C-alpha atoms as a PDB file:
ATOM      1  CA  UNK A   1       0.000   0.000   0.000  1.00  0.00           C
ATOM      2  CA  UNK A   2       1.484   3.354  -0.961  1.00  0.00           C
ATOM      3  CA  UNK A   3       1.912   6.171   1.609  1.00  0.00           C
ATOM      4  CA  UNK A   4      -0.765   8.309  -0.046  1.00  0.00           C
ATOM      5  CA  UNK A   5      -3.322   5.536   0.472  1.00  0.00           C
ATOM      6  CA  UNK A   6      -2.291   5.181   4.128  1.00  0.00           C
ATOM      7  CA  UNK A   7      -2.735   8.951   4.599  1.00  0.00           C
ATOM      8  CA  UNK A   8      -6.138   8.751   2.926  1.00  0.00           C
ATOM      9  CA  UNK A   9      -7.209   5.967   5.304  1.00  0.00           C
ATOM     10  CA  UNK A  10      -5.946   7.938   8.317  1.00  0.00           C
ATOM     11  CA  UNK A  11      -7.826  11.042   7.160  1.00  0.00           C
ATOM     12  CA  UNK A  12     -11.093   9.049   7.050  1.00  0.00           C
ATOM     13  CA  UNK A  13     -11.008   8.159  10.758  1.00  0.00           C
ATOM     14  CA  UNK A  14     -13.748   9.309  13.119  1.00  0.00           C
ATOM     15  CA  UNK A  15     -13.249  12.573  15.014  1.00  0.00           C
ATOM     16  CA  UNK A  16     -13.908  10.824  18.335  1.00  0.00           C
ATOM     17  CA  UNK A  17     -10.502   9.122  18.153  1.00  0.00           C
ATOM     18  CA  UNK A  18      -7.830  11.339  19.680  1.00  0.00           C
ATOM     19  CA  UNK A  19      -5.020   8.912  18.876  1.00  0.00           C
ATOM     20  CA  UNK A  20      -4.361   6.373  16.163  1.00  0.00           C
ATOM     21  CA  UNK A  21      -1.762   3.620  16.366  1.00  0.00           C
ATOM     22  CA  UNK A  22      -0.542   2.723  12.895  1.00  0.00           C
ATOM     23  CA  UNK A  23       1.236  -0.578  12.363  1.00  0.00           C
ATOM     24  CA  UNK A  24       2.729  -1.106   8.924  1.00  0.00           C
ATOM     25  CA  UNK A  25       5.634  -2.530   6.967  1.00  0.00           C
ATOM     26  CA  UNK A  26       8.559  -0.649   5.496  1.00  0.00           C
ATOM     27  CA  UNK A  27       9.197   1.208   3.337  1.00  0.00           C
ATOM     28  CA  UNK A  28       5.643   2.560   3.624  1.00  0.00           C
ATOM     29  CA  UNK A  29       5.765   3.231   7.388  1.00  0.00           C
ATOM     30  CA  UNK A  30       9.012   5.177   7.095  1.00  0.00           C
ATOM     31  CA  UNK A  31       7.676   7.116   4.120  1.00  0.00           C
ATOM     32  CA  UNK A  32       4.477   8.090   5.945  1.00  0.00           C
ATOM     33  CA  UNK A  33       6.413   9.193   9.052  1.00  0.00           C
ATOM     34  CA  UNK A  34       8.823  11.205   6.912  1.00  0.00           C
ATOM     35  CA  UNK A  35       5.915  12.777   4.956  1.00  0.00           C
ATOM     36  CA  UNK A  36       4.193  13.892   8.155  1.00  0.00           C
ATOM     37  CA  UNK A  37       7.163  15.058  10.221  1.00  0.00           C
ATOM     38  CA  UNK A  38       9.682  17.868   9.846  1.00  0.00           C
ATOM     39  CA  UNK A  39      12.201  15.478  11.442  1.00  0.00           C
ATOM     40  CA  UNK A  40      13.777  12.978   9.092  1.00  0.00           C
ATOM     41  CA  UNK A  41      13.768   9.432  10.486  1.00  0.00           C
ATOM     42  CA  UNK A  42      15.319   7.744   7.488  1.00  0.00           C
ATOM     43  CA  UNK A  43      14.348   4.091   7.527  1.00  0.00           C
ATOM     44  CA  UNK A  44      12.522   3.229  10.737  1.00  0.00           C
ATOM     45  CA  UNK A  45      13.929  -0.109  11.942  1.00  0.00           C
ATOM     46  CA  UNK A  46      11.767  -3.168  12.622  1.00  0.00           C
ATOM     47  CA  UNK A  47      10.010  -2.628  15.979  1.00  0.00           C
ATOM     48  CA  UNK A  48      10.743   1.113  15.810  1.00  0.00           C
ATOM     49  CA  UNK A  49       8.052   3.351  17.325  1.00  0.00           C
ATOM     50  CA  UNK A  50       7.433   6.954  16.274  1.00  0.00           C
ATOM     51  CA  UNK A  51       4.870   9.209  17.939  1.00  0.00           C
ATOM     52  CA  UNK A  52       3.748  12.320  16.070  1.00  0.00           C
ATOM     53  CA  UNK A  53       1.428  15.024  17.343  1.00  0.00           C
ATOM     54  CA  UNK A  54      -0.736  17.167  15.056  1.00  0.00           C
ATOM     55  CA  UNK A  55      -2.557  20.416  15.722  1.00  0.00           C
ATOM     56  CA  UNK A  56      -5.800  19.344  14.032  1.00  0.00           C
ATOM     57  CA  UNK A  57      -9.449  19.088  15.047  1.00  0.00           C
ATOM     58  CA  UNK A  58     -10.375  16.349  12.557  1.00  0.00           C
ATOM     59  CA  UNK A  59      -8.419  13.535  10.959  1.00  0.00           C
ATOM     60  CA  UNK A  60      -9.662  14.802   7.603  1.00  0.00           C
ATOM     61  CA  UNK A  61      -7.272  17.768   8.064  1.00  0.00           C
ATOM     62  CA  UNK A  62      -4.279  15.402   7.931  1.00  0.00           C
ATOM     63  CA  UNK A  63      -2.160  15.924   4.826  1.00  0.00           C
ATOM     64  CA  UNK A  64       1.346  15.452   3.476  1.00  0.00           C
ATOM     65  CA  UNK A  65       3.787  18.161   4.469  1.00  0.00           C
ATOM     66  CA  UNK A  66       1.710  19.515   7.343  1.00  0.00           C
ATOM     67  CA  UNK A  67       3.436  20.634  10.500  1.00  0.00           C
ATOM     68  CA  UNK A  68       3.704  18.062  13.263  1.00  0.00           C
ATOM     69  CA  UNK A  69       5.671  17.566  16.455  1.00  0.00           C
ATOM     70  CA  UNK A  70       7.650  14.416  17.174  1.00  0.00           C
ATOM     71  CA  UNK A  71       6.809  13.176  20.672  1.00  0.00           C
ATOM     72  CA  UNK A  72       9.352  10.376  20.535  1.00  0.00           C
ATOM     73  CA  UNK A  73      11.227   7.943  18.317  1.00  0.00           C
ATOM     74  CA  UNK A  74      12.216   4.701  20.008  1.00  0.00           C
ATOM     75  CA  UNK A  75      14.310   2.127  18.213  1.00  0.00           C
ATOM     76  CA  UNK A  76      14.724  -1.498  19.386  1.00  0.00           C
ATOM     77  CA  UNK A  77      18.005  -1.040  21.266  1.00  0.00           C
ATOM     78  CA  UNK A  78      16.283   1.532  23.494  1.00  0.00           C
ATOM     79  CA  UNK A  79      13.466  -0.788  24.598  1.00  0.00           C
ATOM     80  CA  UNK A  80      15.375  -2.044  27.620  1.00  0.00           C
ATOM     81  CA  UNK A  81      15.337   1.505  29.057  1.00  0.00           C
ATOM     82  CA  UNK A  82      11.562   1.738  28.687  1.00  0.00           C
ATOM     83  CA  UNK A  83      10.769  -1.637  30.287  1.00  0.00           C
ATOM     84  CA  UNK A  84       9.510  -1.818  33.853  1.00  0.00           C
ATOM     85  CA  UNK A  85      12.169  -2.974  36.334  1.00  0.00           C
ATOM     86  CA  UNK A  86      10.388  -6.281  36.917  1.00  0.00           C
ATOM     87  CA  UNK A  87      10.559  -7.226  33.245  1.00  0.00           C
ATOM     88  CA  UNK A  88      14.214  -6.163  32.973  1.00  0.00           C
ATOM     89  CA  UNK A  89      15.030  -8.287  36.025  1.00  0.00           C
ATOM     90  CA  UNK A  90      13.235 -11.294  34.524  1.00  0.00           C
ATOM     91  CA  UNK A  91      14.915 -10.959  31.131  1.00  0.00           C
ATOM     92  CA  UNK A  92      18.310 -10.050  32.524  1.00  0.00           C
ATOM     93  CA  UNK A  93      19.980  -6.731  31.749  1.00  0.00           C
ATOM     94  CA  UNK A  94      22.393  -7.120  28.795  1.00  0.00           C
END
């Protein structure tokens, strides 16, 4: 699915949803994130998580090149820092 189609699907979401969690494959996910953010993520790695914030009232206002704010970008090697202590203890800290 091309990034434009993904953006079209996102823009059709109901106004009642404040947040949307998009799960997709590359290169489309990286392309969508790079279309919607002033930050350049390059290729988002497998299991990478990007959170973008938009100043919009409706999802229909979402469009390529609009201004957004990056809340965070977490790549797999960082996950151990975001895990609760109990899980880190169980898995062992590398």
